[in-house]
């Protein structure tokens, strides 16, 4: 056990801890710089639509089920992709995944409210970001969705 008061073991241990402490503080400063960037950039997973938790699972025929997932990836130039996936699972069979991706653009002219558009998916969302959560409303039908940043 280490103790204070001139204990050589304690002093030697503290000398060894100085470098890792400095390195860990440097690592924290790099992390802080990275997190200070554009809040939209990254991959976002839908976690709810109109209050219903996602991924959304629907029971099918013959013991099968379908799981629906949606994610968006937004790059620094505010372009990206909107991807929807449906995974069909049936007992004794390999999963079958149906996935569609669409180009996505972000209009940030009214930040902190953003307009996300994926024309191929017929999607126009108005969104606000709060940390790692994005709240959106679909312009066409008023449905509300929440996304969580990975």
N, C-alpha and C. Protein backbone atom coordinates (compact mmCIF):
# COMPACT_ATOMS: atom_id res chain seq x y z
N UNK A 1 0.84 -1.18 0.00
CA UNK A 1 0.00 0.00 0.00
C UNK A 1 0.88 1.23 0.00
N UNK A 2 0.50 2.23 -0.77
CA UNK A 2 1.27 3.45 -0.85
C UNK A 2 0.83 4.41 0.25
N UNK A 3 1.78 5.13 0.83
CA UNK A 3 1.44 6.13 1.84
C UNK A 3 2.29 7.36 1.61
N UNK A 4 1.86 8.46 2.19
CA UNK A 4 2.59 9.72 2.06
C UNK A 4 3.66 9.82 3.14
N UNK A 5 4.31 10.97 3.17
CA UNK A 5 5.25 11.23 4.26
C UNK A 5 6.63 10.68 4.00
N UNK A 6 7.18 10.92 2.82
CA UNK A 6 8.54 10.51 2.55
C UNK A 6 8.69 9.06 2.17
N UNK A 7 7.63 8.35 2.00
CA UNK A 7 7.70 6.96 1.58
C UNK A 7 8.22 6.91 0.16
N UNK A 8 9.36 6.26 -0.04
CA UNK A 8 9.99 6.22 -1.36
C UNK A 8 9.12 5.49 -2.38
N UNK A 9 8.37 4.49 -1.93
CA UNK A 9 7.49 3.77 -2.85
C UNK A 9 6.39 4.67 -3.37
N UNK A 10 5.84 5.49 -2.47
CA UNK A 10 4.80 6.42 -2.89
C UNK A 10 5.36 7.44 -3.87
N UNK A 11 6.52 8.02 -3.55
CA UNK A 11 7.14 9.02 -4.43
C UNK A 11 7.45 8.43 -5.80
N UNK A 12 7.97 7.21 -5.83
CA UNK A 12 8.30 6.56 -7.11
C UNK A 12 7.02 6.30 -7.91
N UNK A 13 5.97 5.87 -7.22
CA UNK A 13 4.71 5.60 -7.92
C UNK A 13 4.14 6.90 -8.49
N UNK A 14 4.21 7.98 -7.75
CA UNK A 14 3.68 9.25 -8.23
C UNK A 14 4.49 9.75 -9.43
N UNK A 15 5.81 9.53 -9.42
CA UNK A 15 6.62 9.92 -10.57
C UNK A 15 6.20 9.16 -11.82
N UNK A 16 5.86 7.89 -11.67
CA UNK A 16 5.43 7.10 -12.82
C UNK A 16 4.05 7.54 -13.32
N UNK A 17 3.22 8.09 -12.44
CA UNK A 17 1.88 8.50 -12.83
C UNK A 17 1.85 9.83 -13.57
N UNK A 18 2.89 10.62 -13.49
CA UNK A 18 2.89 11.95 -14.10
C UNK A 18 2.73 11.88 -15.61
N UNK A 19 3.43 11.00 -16.27
CA UNK A 19 3.34 10.93 -17.73
C UNK A 19 1.97 10.43 -18.17
N UNK A 20 1.44 9.33 -17.63
CA UNK A 20 0.12 8.90 -18.08
C UNK A 20 -0.96 9.96 -17.82
N UNK A 21 -0.85 10.70 -16.72
CA UNK A 21 -1.83 11.74 -16.44
C UNK A 21 -1.77 12.81 -17.52
N UNK A 22 -0.56 13.23 -17.89
CA UNK A 22 -0.41 14.24 -18.93
C UNK A 22 -0.96 13.74 -20.26
N UNK A 23 -0.69 12.50 -20.57
CA UNK A 23 -1.19 11.93 -21.83
C UNK A 23 -2.71 11.85 -21.81
N UNK A 24 -3.29 11.46 -20.68
CA UNK A 24 -4.75 11.35 -20.62
C UNK A 24 -5.40 12.73 -20.74
N UNK A 25 -4.80 13.76 -20.15
CA UNK A 25 -5.34 15.11 -20.30
C UNK A 25 -5.26 15.58 -21.74
N UNK A 26 -4.18 15.23 -22.42
CA UNK A 26 -4.04 15.58 -23.83
C UNK A 26 -5.13 14.87 -24.65
N UNK A 27 -5.39 13.62 -24.33
CA UNK A 27 -6.45 12.87 -25.00
C UNK A 27 -7.81 13.51 -24.79
N UNK A 28 -8.07 14.00 -23.57
CA UNK A 28 -9.33 14.68 -23.31
C UNK A 28 -9.46 15.95 -24.13
N UNK A 29 -8.36 16.67 -24.30
CA UNK A 29 -8.44 17.90 -25.08
C UNK A 29 -8.72 17.60 -26.54
N UNK A 30 -8.14 16.52 -27.09
CA UNK A 30 -8.44 16.15 -28.47
C UNK A 30 -9.90 15.76 -28.62
N UNK A 31 -10.44 15.03 -27.64
CA UNK A 31 -11.84 14.63 -27.68
C UNK A 31 -12.74 15.85 -27.66
N UNK A 32 -12.42 16.82 -26.83
CA UNK A 32 -13.23 18.03 -26.74
C UNK A 32 -13.22 18.77 -28.07
N UNK A 33 -12.09 18.82 -28.75
CA UNK A 33 -12.02 19.49 -30.04
C UNK A 33 -12.92 18.79 -31.05
N UNK A 34 -12.88 17.48 -31.04
CA UNK A 34 -13.66 16.71 -32.01
C UNK A 34 -15.15 16.93 -31.79
N UNK A 35 -15.60 16.95 -30.53
CA UNK A 35 -17.01 17.08 -30.24
C UNK A 35 -17.52 18.50 -30.48
N UNK A 36 -16.64 19.46 -30.61
CA UNK A 36 -17.06 20.84 -30.81
C UNK A 36 -17.41 21.16 -32.24
N UNK A 37 -17.36 20.20 -33.14
CA UNK A 37 -17.62 20.43 -34.56
C UNK A 37 -19.10 20.52 -34.86
N UNK A 38 -19.42 20.33 -36.11
CA UNK A 38 -20.78 20.42 -36.62
C UNK A 38 -21.66 19.36 -35.95
N UNK A 39 -22.74 19.76 -35.27
CA UNK A 39 -23.55 18.79 -34.55
C UNK A 39 -24.30 17.81 -35.45
N UNK A 40 -24.46 18.14 -36.72
CA UNK A 40 -25.19 17.25 -37.64
C UNK A 40 -24.35 16.11 -38.18
N UNK A 41 -23.05 16.31 -38.26
CA UNK A 41 -22.18 15.33 -38.91
C UNK A 41 -22.14 14.03 -38.11
N UNK A 42 -22.40 12.93 -38.80
CA UNK A 42 -22.35 11.61 -38.16
C UNK A 42 -23.46 10.72 -38.67
N UNK A 43 -23.62 9.59 -38.01
CA UNK A 43 -24.68 8.64 -38.36
C UNK A 43 -25.74 8.67 -37.27
N UNK A 44 -26.98 8.77 -37.70
CA UNK A 44 -28.12 8.90 -36.82
C UNK A 44 -29.07 7.72 -37.03
N UNK A 45 -29.47 7.08 -35.93
CA UNK A 45 -30.42 5.97 -35.99
C UNK A 45 -31.77 6.43 -35.47
N UNK A 46 -32.86 6.10 -36.17
CA UNK A 46 -34.19 6.45 -35.66
C UNK A 46 -34.45 5.61 -34.41
N UNK A 47 -34.93 6.26 -33.34
CA UNK A 47 -35.23 5.57 -32.09
C UNK A 47 -36.72 5.58 -31.77
N UNK A 48 -37.47 6.49 -32.44
CA UNK A 48 -38.93 6.47 -32.28
C UNK A 48 -39.59 7.22 -33.43
N UNK A 49 -40.81 6.78 -33.74
CA UNK A 49 -41.65 7.47 -34.72
C UNK A 49 -43.02 7.59 -34.08
N UNK A 50 -43.49 8.82 -33.93
CA UNK A 50 -44.76 9.10 -33.27
C UNK A 50 -44.88 8.38 -31.92
N UNK A 51 -43.79 8.36 -31.18
CA UNK A 51 -43.78 7.77 -29.84
C UNK A 51 -43.59 6.26 -29.80
N UNK A 52 -43.53 5.61 -30.94
CA UNK A 52 -43.34 4.15 -30.99
C UNK A 52 -41.84 3.87 -31.15
N UNK A 53 -41.31 3.02 -30.27
CA UNK A 53 -39.88 2.71 -30.27
C UNK A 53 -39.45 2.00 -31.55
N UNK A 54 -38.26 2.34 -32.03
CA UNK A 54 -37.62 1.70 -33.18
C UNK A 54 -36.27 1.19 -32.75
N UNK A 55 -35.72 0.15 -33.38
CA UNK A 55 -36.25 -0.60 -34.50
C UNK A 55 -37.63 -1.17 -34.16
N UNK A 56 -38.46 -1.22 -35.19
CA UNK A 56 -39.85 -1.63 -35.05
C UNK A 56 -40.00 -3.06 -35.56
N UNK A 57 -40.61 -3.91 -34.74
CA UNK A 57 -40.77 -5.32 -35.11
C UNK A 57 -42.24 -5.65 -35.34
N UNK A 58 -42.52 -6.36 -36.42
CA UNK A 58 -43.87 -6.80 -36.75
C UNK A 58 -43.84 -8.32 -36.88
N UNK A 59 -44.75 -8.99 -36.17
CA UNK A 59 -44.85 -10.44 -36.31
C UNK A 59 -45.52 -10.77 -37.63
N UNK A 60 -44.98 -11.79 -38.30
CA UNK A 60 -45.52 -12.19 -39.60
C UNK A 60 -46.14 -13.57 -39.54
N UNK A 61 -46.36 -14.12 -40.72
CA UNK A 61 -46.96 -15.44 -40.85
C UNK A 61 -45.93 -16.54 -40.58
N UNK A 62 -46.39 -17.68 -40.15
CA UNK A 62 -45.57 -18.89 -39.97
C UNK A 62 -44.41 -18.66 -39.00
N UNK A 63 -44.63 -17.82 -37.99
CA UNK A 63 -43.60 -17.59 -36.98
C UNK A 63 -42.52 -16.62 -37.39
N UNK A 64 -42.67 -16.00 -38.53
CA UNK A 64 -41.67 -15.04 -39.00
C UNK A 64 -41.89 -13.66 -38.42
N UNK A 65 -40.94 -12.79 -38.66
CA UNK A 65 -41.08 -11.40 -38.21
C UNK A 65 -40.28 -10.49 -39.14
N UNK A 66 -40.63 -9.21 -39.09
CA UNK A 66 -39.90 -8.19 -39.84
C UNK A 66 -39.44 -7.13 -38.86
N UNK A 67 -38.20 -6.70 -39.02
CA UNK A 67 -37.64 -5.62 -38.19
C UNK A 67 -37.30 -4.47 -39.12
N UNK A 68 -37.85 -3.30 -38.80
CA UNK A 68 -37.63 -2.10 -39.61
C UNK A 68 -36.64 -1.18 -38.90
N UNK A 69 -35.67 -0.66 -39.66
CA UNK A 69 -34.68 0.27 -39.14
C UNK A 69 -34.48 1.39 -40.15
N UNK A 70 -34.15 2.57 -39.65
CA UNK A 70 -33.84 3.71 -40.50
C UNK A 70 -32.62 4.41 -39.92
N UNK A 71 -31.69 4.82 -40.79
CA UNK A 71 -30.59 5.65 -40.33
C UNK A 71 -30.25 6.68 -41.39
N UNK A 72 -29.56 7.71 -40.95
CA UNK A 72 -29.08 8.77 -41.84
C UNK A 72 -27.62 8.99 -41.54
N UNK A 73 -26.83 9.18 -42.58
CA UNK A 73 -25.44 9.56 -42.42
C UNK A 73 -25.28 10.93 -43.07
N UNK A 74 -24.78 11.88 -42.28
CA UNK A 74 -24.60 13.25 -42.76
C UNK A 74 -23.11 13.58 -42.72
N UNK A 75 -22.60 14.02 -43.88
CA UNK A 75 -21.18 14.37 -43.99
C UNK A 75 -20.98 15.86 -43.74
N UNK A 76 -19.71 16.26 -43.66
CA UNK A 76 -19.37 17.65 -43.35
C UNK A 76 -19.93 18.64 -44.36
N UNK A 77 -20.09 18.23 -45.62
CA UNK A 77 -20.64 19.15 -46.63
C UNK A 77 -22.18 19.15 -46.63
N UNK A 78 -22.76 18.50 -45.61
CA UNK A 78 -24.21 18.38 -45.41
C UNK A 78 -24.92 17.61 -46.52
N UNK A 79 -24.18 16.72 -47.16
CA UNK A 79 -24.80 15.73 -48.02
C UNK A 79 -24.74 14.41 -47.25
N UNK A 80 -25.43 13.42 -47.75
CA UNK A 80 -25.38 12.14 -47.05
C UNK A 80 -26.33 11.14 -47.65
N UNK A 81 -26.73 10.17 -46.81
CA UNK A 81 -27.66 9.13 -47.25
C UNK A 81 -28.72 8.89 -46.19
N UNK A 82 -29.90 8.55 -46.66
CA UNK A 82 -31.02 8.13 -45.83
C UNK A 82 -31.26 6.67 -46.20
N UNK A 83 -31.19 5.77 -45.23
CA UNK A 83 -31.29 4.34 -45.51
C UNK A 83 -32.39 3.70 -44.68
N UNK A 84 -33.25 2.95 -45.34
CA UNK A 84 -34.27 2.17 -44.64
C UNK A 84 -33.97 0.68 -44.89
N UNK A 85 -34.16 -0.10 -43.82
CA UNK A 85 -33.89 -1.54 -43.90
C UNK A 85 -35.06 -2.31 -43.31
N UNK A 86 -35.38 -3.41 -43.95
CA UNK A 86 -36.33 -4.36 -43.39
C UNK A 86 -35.67 -5.72 -43.41
N UNK A 87 -35.60 -6.34 -42.24
CA UNK A 87 -35.02 -7.67 -42.13
C UNK A 87 -36.14 -8.66 -41.85
N UNK A 88 -36.31 -9.61 -42.77
CA UNK A 88 -37.31 -10.66 -42.63
C UNK A 88 -36.63 -11.87 -41.97
N UNK A 89 -37.23 -12.37 -40.92
CA UNK A 89 -36.70 -13.56 -40.25
C UNK A 89 -37.77 -14.63 -40.18
N UNK A 90 -37.42 -15.84 -40.62
CA UNK A 90 -38.31 -16.98 -40.55
C UNK A 90 -37.54 -18.13 -39.91
N UNK A 91 -38.19 -18.87 -39.01
CA UNK A 91 -37.50 -19.98 -38.35
C UNK A 91 -36.90 -20.96 -39.36
N UNK A 92 -35.64 -21.29 -39.15
CA UNK A 92 -34.96 -22.26 -40.00
C UNK A 92 -34.46 -21.72 -41.32
N UNK A 93 -34.65 -20.43 -41.57
CA UNK A 93 -34.21 -19.81 -42.83
C UNK A 93 -33.23 -18.68 -42.53
N UNK A 94 -32.32 -18.40 -43.45
CA UNK A 94 -31.43 -17.24 -43.25
C UNK A 94 -32.24 -15.94 -43.37
N UNK A 95 -31.80 -14.92 -42.65
CA UNK A 95 -32.48 -13.62 -42.72
C UNK A 95 -32.39 -13.05 -44.13
N UNK A 96 -33.43 -12.35 -44.52
CA UNK A 96 -33.48 -11.68 -45.80
C UNK A 96 -33.58 -10.18 -45.52
N UNK A 97 -32.61 -9.40 -46.03
CA UNK A 97 -32.58 -7.96 -45.77
C UNK A 97 -32.91 -7.20 -47.04
N UNK A 98 -33.89 -6.32 -46.92
CA UNK A 98 -34.26 -5.42 -48.01
C UNK A 98 -33.84 -4.03 -47.57
N UNK A 99 -32.93 -3.40 -48.32
CA UNK A 99 -32.38 -2.11 -47.93
C UNK A 99 -32.43 -1.15 -49.10
N UNK A 100 -32.82 0.09 -48.81
CA UNK A 100 -32.83 1.12 -49.84
C UNK A 100 -32.15 2.37 -49.28
N UNK A 101 -31.24 2.94 -50.08
CA UNK A 101 -30.55 4.17 -49.67
C UNK A 101 -30.84 5.26 -50.68
N UNK A 102 -30.99 6.47 -50.15
CA UNK A 102 -31.32 7.62 -50.99
C UNK A 102 -30.37 8.77 -50.66
N UNK A 103 -29.99 9.56 -51.66
CA UNK A 103 -29.18 10.75 -51.38
C UNK A 103 -29.96 11.71 -50.47
N UNK A 104 -29.23 12.34 -49.57
CA UNK A 104 -29.81 13.24 -48.59
C UNK A 104 -29.07 14.57 -48.63
N UNK A 105 -29.78 15.68 -48.55
CA UNK A 105 -29.14 16.99 -48.43
C UNK A 105 -29.73 17.71 -47.23
N UNK A 106 -28.93 18.61 -46.67
CA UNK A 106 -29.35 19.37 -45.50
C UNK A 106 -29.32 20.85 -45.84
N UNK A 107 -30.43 21.55 -45.57
CA UNK A 107 -30.49 23.00 -45.69
C UNK A 107 -30.32 23.56 -44.28
N UNK A 108 -29.21 24.25 -44.06
CA UNK A 108 -28.92 24.79 -42.73
C UNK A 108 -29.11 26.31 -42.66
N UNK A 109 -29.85 26.89 -43.63
CA UNK A 109 -30.00 28.34 -43.68
C UNK A 109 -30.79 28.90 -42.50
N UNK A 110 -31.58 28.07 -41.81
CA UNK A 110 -32.33 28.51 -40.63
C UNK A 110 -31.84 27.84 -39.35
N UNK A 111 -30.53 27.50 -39.30
CA UNK A 111 -29.99 26.82 -38.12
C UNK A 111 -30.33 27.65 -36.87
N UNK A 112 -30.71 27.02 -35.80
CA UNK A 112 -30.54 25.60 -35.47
C UNK A 112 -31.67 24.69 -35.94
N UNK A 113 -32.59 25.20 -36.76
CA UNK A 113 -33.57 24.31 -37.38
C UNK A 113 -33.04 23.94 -38.77
N UNK A 114 -33.05 22.65 -39.06
CA UNK A 114 -32.49 22.14 -40.30
C UNK A 114 -33.59 21.48 -41.12
N UNK A 115 -33.46 21.56 -42.44
CA UNK A 115 -34.38 20.85 -43.32
C UNK A 115 -33.58 19.75 -44.02
N UNK A 116 -34.00 18.51 -43.81
CA UNK A 116 -33.35 17.35 -44.41
C UNK A 116 -34.24 16.85 -45.53
N UNK A 117 -33.66 16.68 -46.71
CA UNK A 117 -34.43 16.30 -47.89
C UNK A 117 -33.80 15.08 -48.55
N UNK A 118 -34.62 14.05 -48.74
CA UNK A 118 -34.23 12.85 -49.51
C UNK A 118 -35.31 12.65 -50.56
N UNK A 119 -35.17 13.32 -51.73
CA UNK A 119 -36.22 13.28 -52.75
C UNK A 119 -36.62 11.87 -53.18
N UNK A 120 -35.66 10.98 -53.32
CA UNK A 120 -35.96 9.61 -53.76
C UNK A 120 -36.85 8.86 -52.80
N UNK A 121 -36.79 9.24 -51.51
CA UNK A 121 -37.63 8.61 -50.50
C UNK A 121 -38.91 9.40 -50.26
N UNK A 122 -39.05 10.54 -50.97
CA UNK A 122 -40.22 11.39 -50.75
C UNK A 122 -40.21 12.02 -49.36
N UNK A 123 -39.02 12.33 -48.86
CA UNK A 123 -38.86 12.75 -47.47
C UNK A 123 -38.39 14.20 -47.36
N UNK A 124 -39.11 14.99 -46.56
CA UNK A 124 -38.69 16.33 -46.18
C UNK A 124 -38.95 16.45 -44.68
N UNK A 125 -37.88 16.61 -43.91
CA UNK A 125 -37.99 16.71 -42.45
C UNK A 125 -37.48 18.06 -41.98
N UNK A 126 -38.15 18.65 -41.01
CA UNK A 126 -37.59 19.79 -40.29
C UNK A 126 -37.10 19.24 -38.95
N UNK A 127 -35.84 19.55 -38.62
CA UNK A 127 -35.21 18.93 -37.46
C UNK A 127 -34.46 19.95 -36.60
N UNK A 128 -34.36 19.64 -35.31
CA UNK A 128 -33.51 20.38 -34.40
C UNK A 128 -32.63 19.36 -33.68
N UNK A 129 -31.41 19.80 -33.35
CA UNK A 129 -30.45 18.91 -32.70
C UNK A 129 -30.21 19.39 -31.28
N UNK A 130 -30.24 18.45 -30.34
CA UNK A 130 -29.91 18.73 -28.95
C UNK A 130 -28.92 17.67 -28.49
N UNK A 131 -27.62 18.00 -28.60
CA UNK A 131 -26.58 17.04 -28.24
C UNK A 131 -26.56 15.87 -29.21
N UNK A 132 -26.83 14.68 -28.67
CA UNK A 132 -26.80 13.48 -29.52
C UNK A 132 -28.20 13.03 -29.93
N UNK A 133 -29.19 13.93 -29.80
CA UNK A 133 -30.56 13.62 -30.18
C UNK A 133 -31.04 14.61 -31.23
N UNK A 134 -31.72 14.11 -32.26
CA UNK A 134 -32.30 14.95 -33.28
C UNK A 134 -33.82 14.69 -33.30
N UNK A 135 -34.60 15.76 -33.15
CA UNK A 135 -36.06 15.66 -33.21
C UNK A 135 -36.52 16.21 -34.55
N UNK A 136 -37.34 15.44 -35.26
CA UNK A 136 -37.76 15.82 -36.62
C UNK A 136 -39.27 15.71 -36.78
N UNK A 137 -39.77 16.51 -37.72
CA UNK A 137 -41.17 16.42 -38.11
C UNK A 137 -41.22 16.31 -39.62
N UNK A 138 -42.01 15.36 -40.10
CA UNK A 138 -42.18 15.16 -41.54
C UNK A 138 -43.12 16.23 -42.06
N UNK A 139 -42.67 17.01 -43.04
CA UNK A 139 -43.46 18.11 -43.59
C UNK A 139 -44.74 17.60 -44.25
N UNK A 140 -44.70 16.42 -44.87
CA UNK A 140 -45.86 15.94 -45.63
C UNK A 140 -46.99 15.41 -44.75
N UNK A 141 -46.67 14.72 -43.64
CA UNK A 141 -47.75 14.12 -42.85
C UNK A 141 -47.73 14.50 -41.37
N UNK A 142 -46.75 15.31 -40.94
CA UNK A 142 -46.70 15.75 -39.55
C UNK A 142 -46.19 14.72 -38.56
N UNK A 143 -45.78 13.54 -39.04
CA UNK A 143 -45.27 12.53 -38.11
C UNK A 143 -43.97 13.03 -37.47
N UNK A 144 -43.77 12.61 -36.24
CA UNK A 144 -42.59 13.06 -35.49
C UNK A 144 -41.66 11.88 -35.26
N UNK A 145 -40.38 12.09 -35.50
CA UNK A 145 -39.38 11.05 -35.29
C UNK A 145 -38.23 11.61 -34.48
N UNK A 146 -37.57 10.70 -33.77
CA UNK A 146 -36.39 11.06 -32.98
C UNK A 146 -35.25 10.16 -33.42
N UNK A 147 -34.09 10.77 -33.57
CA UNK A 147 -32.89 10.06 -33.97
C UNK A 147 -31.85 10.19 -32.86
N UNK A 148 -31.03 9.17 -32.72
CA UNK A 148 -29.93 9.17 -31.76
C UNK A 148 -28.63 9.02 -32.54
N UNK A 149 -27.64 9.84 -32.20
CA UNK A 149 -26.36 9.79 -32.90
C UNK A 149 -25.55 8.62 -32.37
N UNK A 150 -24.93 7.88 -33.30
CA UNK A 150 -24.07 6.75 -32.92
C UNK A 150 -22.81 7.25 -32.27
